[in-house]
């Protein structure tokens, strides 16, 4: 390390803060992606369960914390629309995550950052 030039402590602290911000942002995005994946999987499971049922069969749906009675015919299109929306949001979040990861990698390269794991 004596052959490498030393970074002043203020700059080092600033770089550490930026790195921490990058990692926190990536962690938050990963958490949101996980939540959305779980919700999409739940929608898929319910759709697969309701698909073979008769359209006039009674089913219940939670809307804003209230359980409402509907028929399969009423609920299925809404579930499919919500599921498609979740898939789109998931794709967007994955793109955002990859973009942020690329940004972090280029930042590390630009600032000659090497992560040391204890």
N, C-alpha and C. Protein backbone atom coordinates (compact mmCIF):
# COMPACT_ATOMS: atom_id res chain seq x y z
N UNK A 1 0.82 -1.18 0.00
CA UNK A 1 0.00 0.00 0.00
C UNK A 1 0.87 1.25 0.00
N UNK A 2 2.13 1.12 0.39
CA UNK A 2 3.02 2.27 0.42
C UNK A 2 3.32 2.77 -0.99
N UNK A 3 3.23 1.91 -1.97
CA UNK A 3 3.49 2.34 -3.35
C UNK A 3 2.29 3.07 -3.95
N UNK A 4 1.11 2.84 -3.40
CA UNK A 4 -0.07 3.54 -3.89
C UNK A 4 -0.19 4.87 -3.17
N UNK A 5 -0.78 5.86 -3.87
CA UNK A 5 -0.92 7.16 -3.22
C UNK A 5 -2.06 7.09 -2.20
N UNK A 6 -1.87 7.74 -1.09
CA UNK A 6 -2.86 7.74 -0.01
C UNK A 6 -3.96 8.76 -0.32
N UNK A 7 -5.19 8.39 0.02
CA UNK A 7 -6.33 9.27 -0.17
C UNK A 7 -6.55 10.00 1.14
N UNK A 8 -6.78 11.34 1.06
CA UNK A 8 -6.98 12.06 2.31
C UNK A 8 -8.26 11.58 3.01
N UNK A 9 -8.28 11.65 4.33
CA UNK A 9 -9.39 11.06 5.10
C UNK A 9 -10.76 11.63 4.74
N UNK A 10 -10.82 12.91 4.39
CA UNK A 10 -12.11 13.52 4.04
C UNK A 10 -12.66 12.90 2.75
N UNK A 11 -11.79 12.76 1.77
CA UNK A 11 -12.18 12.15 0.50
C UNK A 11 -12.57 10.69 0.72
N UNK A 12 -11.81 10.00 1.55
CA UNK A 12 -12.10 8.59 1.84
C UNK A 12 -13.46 8.45 2.51
N UNK A 13 -13.77 9.36 3.42
CA UNK A 13 -15.06 9.33 4.11
C UNK A 13 -16.19 9.60 3.12
N UNK A 14 -15.96 10.54 2.21
CA UNK A 14 -16.97 10.87 1.20
C UNK A 14 -17.22 9.68 0.28
N UNK A 15 -16.15 9.01 -0.14
CA UNK A 15 -16.29 7.83 -0.99
C UNK A 15 -17.02 6.71 -0.25
N UNK A 16 -16.72 6.54 1.03
CA UNK A 16 -17.39 5.51 1.83
C UNK A 16 -18.88 5.80 1.92
N UNK A 17 -19.24 7.07 2.09
CA UNK A 17 -20.65 7.46 2.16
C UNK A 17 -21.36 7.19 0.84
N UNK A 18 -20.71 7.53 -0.27
CA UNK A 18 -21.30 7.28 -1.58
C UNK A 18 -21.49 5.78 -1.81
N UNK A 19 -20.49 5.00 -1.43
CA UNK A 19 -20.58 3.55 -1.59
C UNK A 19 -21.73 2.99 -0.75
N UNK A 20 -21.85 3.46 0.47
CA UNK A 20 -22.94 3.02 1.35
C UNK A 20 -24.30 3.38 0.76
N UNK A 21 -24.40 4.57 0.18
CA UNK A 21 -25.66 4.98 -0.45
C UNK A 21 -26.00 4.07 -1.63
N UNK A 22 -25.01 3.75 -2.44
CA UNK A 22 -25.23 2.83 -3.57
C UNK A 22 -25.74 1.48 -3.06
N UNK A 23 -25.04 0.94 -2.06
CA UNK A 23 -25.41 -0.38 -1.55
C UNK A 23 -26.81 -0.37 -0.92
N UNK A 24 -27.14 0.69 -0.20
CA UNK A 24 -28.48 0.79 0.41
C UNK A 24 -29.56 0.86 -0.66
N UNK A 25 -29.31 1.63 -1.70
CA UNK A 25 -30.28 1.74 -2.79
C UNK A 25 -30.49 0.39 -3.46
N UNK A 26 -29.40 -0.32 -3.72
CA UNK A 26 -29.49 -1.65 -4.33
C UNK A 26 -30.24 -2.62 -3.42
N UNK A 27 -30.00 -2.53 -2.14
CA UNK A 27 -30.68 -3.42 -1.19
C UNK A 27 -32.18 -3.13 -1.14
N UNK A 28 -32.55 -1.85 -1.17
CA UNK A 28 -33.96 -1.47 -1.17
C UNK A 28 -34.65 -1.95 -2.45
N UNK A 29 -33.98 -1.79 -3.58
CA UNK A 29 -34.54 -2.26 -4.84
C UNK A 29 -34.73 -3.78 -4.82
N UNK A 30 -33.75 -4.49 -4.29
CA UNK A 30 -33.85 -5.95 -4.21
C UNK A 30 -35.02 -6.36 -3.32
N UNK A 31 -35.24 -5.64 -2.24
CA UNK A 31 -36.35 -5.93 -1.34
C UNK A 31 -37.69 -5.71 -2.05
N UNK A 32 -37.79 -4.60 -2.77
CA UNK A 32 -39.03 -4.30 -3.50
C UNK A 32 -39.28 -5.35 -4.58
N UNK A 33 -38.22 -5.76 -5.26
CA UNK A 33 -38.34 -6.78 -6.30
C UNK A 33 -38.84 -8.08 -5.69
N UNK A 34 -38.31 -8.44 -4.55
CA UNK A 34 -38.75 -9.66 -3.86
C UNK A 34 -40.22 -9.58 -3.47
N UNK A 35 -40.65 -8.43 -2.97
CA UNK A 35 -42.05 -8.25 -2.59
C UNK A 35 -42.97 -8.38 -3.80
N UNK A 36 -42.58 -7.75 -4.89
CA UNK A 36 -43.40 -7.78 -6.10
C UNK A 36 -43.44 -9.19 -6.68
N UNK A 37 -42.30 -9.89 -6.66
CA UNK A 37 -42.29 -11.28 -7.14
C UNK A 37 -43.23 -12.15 -6.32
N UNK A 38 -43.24 -11.95 -5.03
CA UNK A 38 -44.11 -12.73 -4.15
C UNK A 38 -45.58 -12.43 -4.45
N UNK A 39 -45.90 -11.16 -4.62
CA UNK A 39 -47.28 -10.79 -4.92
C UNK A 39 -47.72 -11.32 -6.28
N UNK A 40 -46.83 -11.26 -7.27
CA UNK A 40 -47.14 -11.80 -8.60
C UNK A 40 -47.38 -13.30 -8.53
N UNK A 41 -46.60 -13.99 -7.72
CA UNK A 41 -46.76 -15.44 -7.56
C UNK A 41 -48.11 -15.76 -6.91
N UNK A 42 -48.51 -14.95 -5.93
CA UNK A 42 -49.81 -15.14 -5.29
C UNK A 42 -50.94 -14.94 -6.30
N UNK A 43 -50.82 -13.90 -7.13
CA UNK A 43 -51.83 -13.66 -8.16
C UNK A 43 -51.91 -14.86 -9.11
N UNK A 44 -50.75 -15.36 -9.51
CA UNK A 44 -50.70 -16.49 -10.44
C UNK A 44 -51.40 -17.71 -9.82
N UNK A 45 -51.14 -17.96 -8.56
CA UNK A 45 -51.74 -19.10 -7.87
C UNK A 45 -53.26 -18.97 -7.82
N UNK A 46 -53.75 -17.78 -7.50
CA UNK A 46 -55.21 -17.57 -7.43
C UNK A 46 -55.83 -17.70 -8.81
N UNK A 47 -55.18 -17.17 -9.83
CA UNK A 47 -55.70 -17.27 -11.20
C UNK A 47 -55.78 -18.74 -11.62
N UNK A 48 -54.73 -19.50 -11.33
CA UNK A 48 -54.73 -20.93 -11.68
C UNK A 48 -55.82 -21.69 -10.92
N UNK A 49 -56.13 -21.24 -9.72
CA UNK A 49 -57.18 -21.89 -8.93
C UNK A 49 -58.56 -21.55 -9.46
N UNK A 50 -58.76 -20.30 -9.86
CA UNK A 50 -60.09 -19.86 -10.30
C UNK A 50 -60.40 -20.22 -11.75
N UNK A 51 -59.37 -20.37 -12.58
CA UNK A 51 -59.59 -20.62 -14.02
C UNK A 51 -60.52 -21.80 -14.32
N UNK A 52 -60.34 -22.96 -13.72
CA UNK A 52 -61.20 -24.09 -14.09
C UNK A 52 -62.61 -24.02 -13.48
N UNK A 53 -62.86 -23.08 -12.60
CA UNK A 53 -64.16 -23.02 -11.93
C UNK A 53 -65.23 -22.40 -12.83
N UNK A 54 -66.51 -22.74 -12.60
CA UNK A 54 -67.60 -22.11 -13.37
C UNK A 54 -67.64 -20.60 -13.11
N UNK A 55 -68.01 -19.85 -14.14
CA UNK A 55 -68.00 -18.39 -14.04
C UNK A 55 -68.99 -17.84 -13.02
N UNK A 56 -70.07 -18.57 -12.76
CA UNK A 56 -71.08 -18.06 -11.83
C UNK A 56 -70.80 -18.47 -10.38
N UNK A 57 -69.69 -19.13 -10.15
CA UNK A 57 -69.36 -19.57 -8.79
C UNK A 57 -68.99 -18.36 -7.92
N UNK A 58 -69.45 -18.41 -6.69
CA UNK A 58 -69.21 -17.33 -5.75
C UNK A 58 -67.76 -17.39 -5.27
N UNK A 59 -67.15 -16.20 -5.17
CA UNK A 59 -65.81 -16.11 -4.58
C UNK A 59 -65.72 -14.80 -3.81
N UNK A 60 -64.71 -14.67 -3.01
CA UNK A 60 -64.55 -13.48 -2.19
C UNK A 60 -63.21 -12.83 -2.51
N UNK A 61 -63.24 -11.49 -2.41
CA UNK A 61 -62.03 -10.73 -2.73
C UNK A 61 -61.86 -9.63 -1.69
N UNK A 62 -60.65 -9.43 -1.27
CA UNK A 62 -60.35 -8.38 -0.31
C UNK A 62 -60.10 -7.09 -1.06
N UNK A 63 -60.92 -6.06 -0.77
CA UNK A 63 -60.77 -4.76 -1.40
C UNK A 63 -60.64 -3.72 -0.28
N UNK A 64 -59.48 -3.10 -0.18
CA UNK A 64 -59.22 -2.10 0.86
C UNK A 64 -59.57 -2.60 2.25
N UNK A 65 -59.23 -3.82 2.55
CA UNK A 65 -59.47 -4.38 3.87
C UNK A 65 -60.88 -4.89 4.10
N UNK A 66 -61.71 -4.84 3.08
CA UNK A 66 -63.10 -5.32 3.20
C UNK A 66 -63.27 -6.53 2.29
N UNK A 67 -63.83 -7.59 2.84
CA UNK A 67 -64.08 -8.80 2.06
C UNK A 67 -65.39 -8.63 1.30
N UNK A 68 -65.33 -8.67 -0.02
CA UNK A 68 -66.54 -8.49 -0.84
C UNK A 68 -66.83 -9.77 -1.62
N UNK A 69 -68.11 -10.03 -1.80
CA UNK A 69 -68.53 -11.22 -2.52
C UNK A 69 -68.68 -10.88 -4.00
N UNK A 70 -68.10 -11.70 -4.84
CA UNK A 70 -68.17 -11.54 -6.29
C UNK A 70 -68.33 -12.91 -6.91
N UNK A 71 -68.35 -12.92 -8.24
CA UNK A 71 -68.34 -14.20 -8.96
C UNK A 71 -66.97 -14.33 -9.63
N UNK A 72 -66.67 -15.55 -10.04
CA UNK A 72 -65.40 -15.80 -10.72
C UNK A 72 -65.30 -14.94 -11.97
N UNK A 73 -66.43 -14.77 -12.66
CA UNK A 73 -66.48 -13.98 -13.89
C UNK A 73 -66.07 -12.52 -13.62
N UNK A 74 -66.43 -11.99 -12.46
CA UNK A 74 -66.09 -10.61 -12.12
C UNK A 74 -64.64 -10.45 -11.67
N UNK A 75 -64.15 -11.44 -10.96
CA UNK A 75 -62.84 -11.32 -10.31
C UNK A 75 -61.68 -11.67 -11.25
N UNK A 76 -61.86 -12.68 -12.08
CA UNK A 76 -60.76 -13.18 -12.90
C UNK A 76 -60.13 -12.12 -13.82
N UNK A 77 -60.93 -11.34 -14.56
CA UNK A 77 -60.30 -10.32 -15.42
C UNK A 77 -59.49 -9.29 -14.62
N UNK A 78 -60.00 -8.91 -13.46
CA UNK A 78 -59.28 -7.95 -12.62
C UNK A 78 -57.96 -8.54 -12.14
N UNK A 79 -58.00 -9.80 -11.73
CA UNK A 79 -56.77 -10.46 -11.28
C UNK A 79 -55.74 -10.55 -12.40
N UNK A 80 -56.20 -10.88 -13.59
CA UNK A 80 -55.28 -10.98 -14.73
C UNK A 80 -54.66 -9.63 -15.06
N UNK A 81 -55.48 -8.57 -15.00
CA UNK A 81 -54.97 -7.22 -15.25
C UNK A 81 -53.93 -6.83 -14.20
N UNK A 82 -54.26 -7.11 -12.93
CA UNK A 82 -53.31 -6.81 -11.85
C UNK A 82 -52.03 -7.61 -12.00
N UNK A 83 -52.14 -8.86 -12.39
CA UNK A 83 -50.98 -9.72 -12.57
C UNK A 83 -50.08 -9.18 -13.69
N UNK A 84 -50.70 -8.78 -14.79
CA UNK A 84 -49.93 -8.21 -15.90
C UNK A 84 -49.22 -6.93 -15.46
N UNK A 85 -49.92 -6.11 -14.69
CA UNK A 85 -49.33 -4.87 -14.17
C UNK A 85 -48.14 -5.16 -13.27
N UNK A 86 -48.27 -6.17 -12.42
CA UNK A 86 -47.17 -6.55 -11.53
C UNK A 86 -45.96 -7.03 -12.33
N UNK A 87 -46.22 -7.78 -13.39
CA UNK A 87 -45.11 -8.27 -14.23
C UNK A 87 -44.37 -7.10 -14.87
N UNK A 88 -45.14 -6.09 -15.32
CA UNK A 88 -44.54 -4.92 -15.94
C UNK A 88 -43.70 -4.13 -14.92
N UNK A 89 -44.26 -3.95 -13.73
CA UNK A 89 -43.53 -3.24 -12.68
C UNK A 89 -42.26 -4.01 -12.32
N UNK A 90 -42.35 -5.33 -12.27
CA UNK A 90 -41.20 -6.17 -11.95
C UNK A 90 -40.10 -6.01 -13.00
N UNK A 91 -40.48 -6.00 -14.26
CA UNK A 91 -39.50 -5.80 -15.34
C UNK A 91 -38.81 -4.45 -15.19
N UNK A 92 -39.61 -3.41 -14.90
CA UNK A 92 -39.04 -2.07 -14.74
C UNK A 92 -38.09 -2.01 -13.55
N UNK A 93 -38.47 -2.66 -12.45
CA UNK A 93 -37.62 -2.66 -11.26
C UNK A 93 -36.31 -3.41 -11.53
N UNK A 94 -36.39 -4.52 -12.27
CA UNK A 94 -35.17 -5.27 -12.61
C UNK A 94 -34.24 -4.43 -13.48
N UNK A 95 -34.81 -3.70 -14.45
CA UNK A 95 -33.99 -2.81 -15.29
C UNK A 95 -33.33 -1.74 -14.43
N UNK A 96 -34.11 -1.18 -13.50
CA UNK A 96 -33.60 -0.15 -12.61
C UNK A 96 -32.46 -0.71 -11.74
N UNK A 97 -32.63 -1.92 -11.25
CA UNK A 97 -31.60 -2.56 -10.42
C UNK A 97 -30.31 -2.77 -11.23
N UNK A 98 -30.46 -3.29 -12.45
CA UNK A 98 -29.28 -3.54 -13.29
C UNK A 98 -28.57 -2.23 -13.63
N UNK A 99 -29.36 -1.18 -13.89
CA UNK A 99 -28.79 0.12 -14.20
C UNK A 99 -28.00 0.66 -13.00
N UNK A 100 -28.58 0.54 -11.83
CA UNK A 100 -27.91 1.01 -10.61
C UNK A 100 -26.65 0.19 -10.33
N UNK A 101 -26.70 -1.11 -10.59
CA UNK A 101 -25.53 -1.98 -10.39
C UNK A 101 -24.42 -1.58 -11.36
N UNK A 102 -24.78 -1.30 -12.61
CA UNK A 102 -23.80 -0.85 -13.60
C UNK A 102 -23.20 0.48 -13.19
N UNK A 103 -24.06 1.37 -12.68
CA UNK A 103 -23.61 2.68 -12.22
C UNK A 103 -22.60 2.51 -11.07
N UNK A 104 -22.89 1.62 -10.14
CA UNK A 104 -21.98 1.35 -9.02
C UNK A 104 -20.65 0.80 -9.53
N UNK A 105 -20.71 -0.14 -10.46
CA UNK A 105 -19.48 -0.74 -11.00
C UNK A 105 -18.61 0.31 -11.68
N UNK A 106 -19.23 1.19 -12.48
CA UNK A 106 -18.45 2.22 -13.17
C UNK A 106 -17.90 3.25 -12.16
N UNK A 107 -18.68 3.54 -11.13
CA UNK A 107 -18.22 4.45 -10.08
C UNK A 107 -17.00 3.86 -9.36
N UNK A 108 -17.08 2.55 -9.05
CA UNK A 108 -15.95 1.88 -8.38
C UNK A 108 -14.70 1.92 -9.27
N UNK A 109 -14.90 1.70 -10.55
CA UNK A 109 -13.76 1.70 -11.47
C UNK A 109 -13.17 3.11 -11.59
N UNK A 110 -14.05 4.10 -11.71
CA UNK A 110 -13.62 5.49 -11.86
C UNK A 110 -12.82 5.96 -10.64
N UNK A 111 -13.28 5.58 -9.46
CA UNK A 111 -12.63 6.02 -8.22
C UNK A 111 -11.62 5.01 -7.69
N UNK A 112 -11.34 3.99 -8.48
CA UNK A 112 -10.38 2.95 -8.11
C UNK A 112 -10.70 2.36 -6.73
N UNK A 113 -11.96 1.95 -6.58
CA UNK A 113 -12.44 1.40 -5.31
C UNK A 113 -12.32 -0.11 -5.34
N UNK A 114 -11.76 -0.66 -4.28
CA UNK A 114 -11.71 -2.10 -4.10
C UNK A 114 -12.35 -2.42 -2.77
N UNK A 115 -13.36 -3.27 -2.79
CA UNK A 115 -14.09 -3.61 -1.58
C UNK A 115 -13.32 -4.68 -0.82
N UNK A 116 -13.12 -4.42 0.45
CA UNK A 116 -12.42 -5.37 1.32
C UNK A 116 -13.44 -5.97 2.26
N UNK A 117 -13.60 -7.27 2.18
CA UNK A 117 -14.54 -7.97 3.06
C UNK A 117 -13.79 -8.45 4.31
N UNK A 118 -14.30 -8.13 5.51
CA UNK A 118 -13.62 -8.58 6.73
C UNK A 118 -13.78 -10.07 6.94
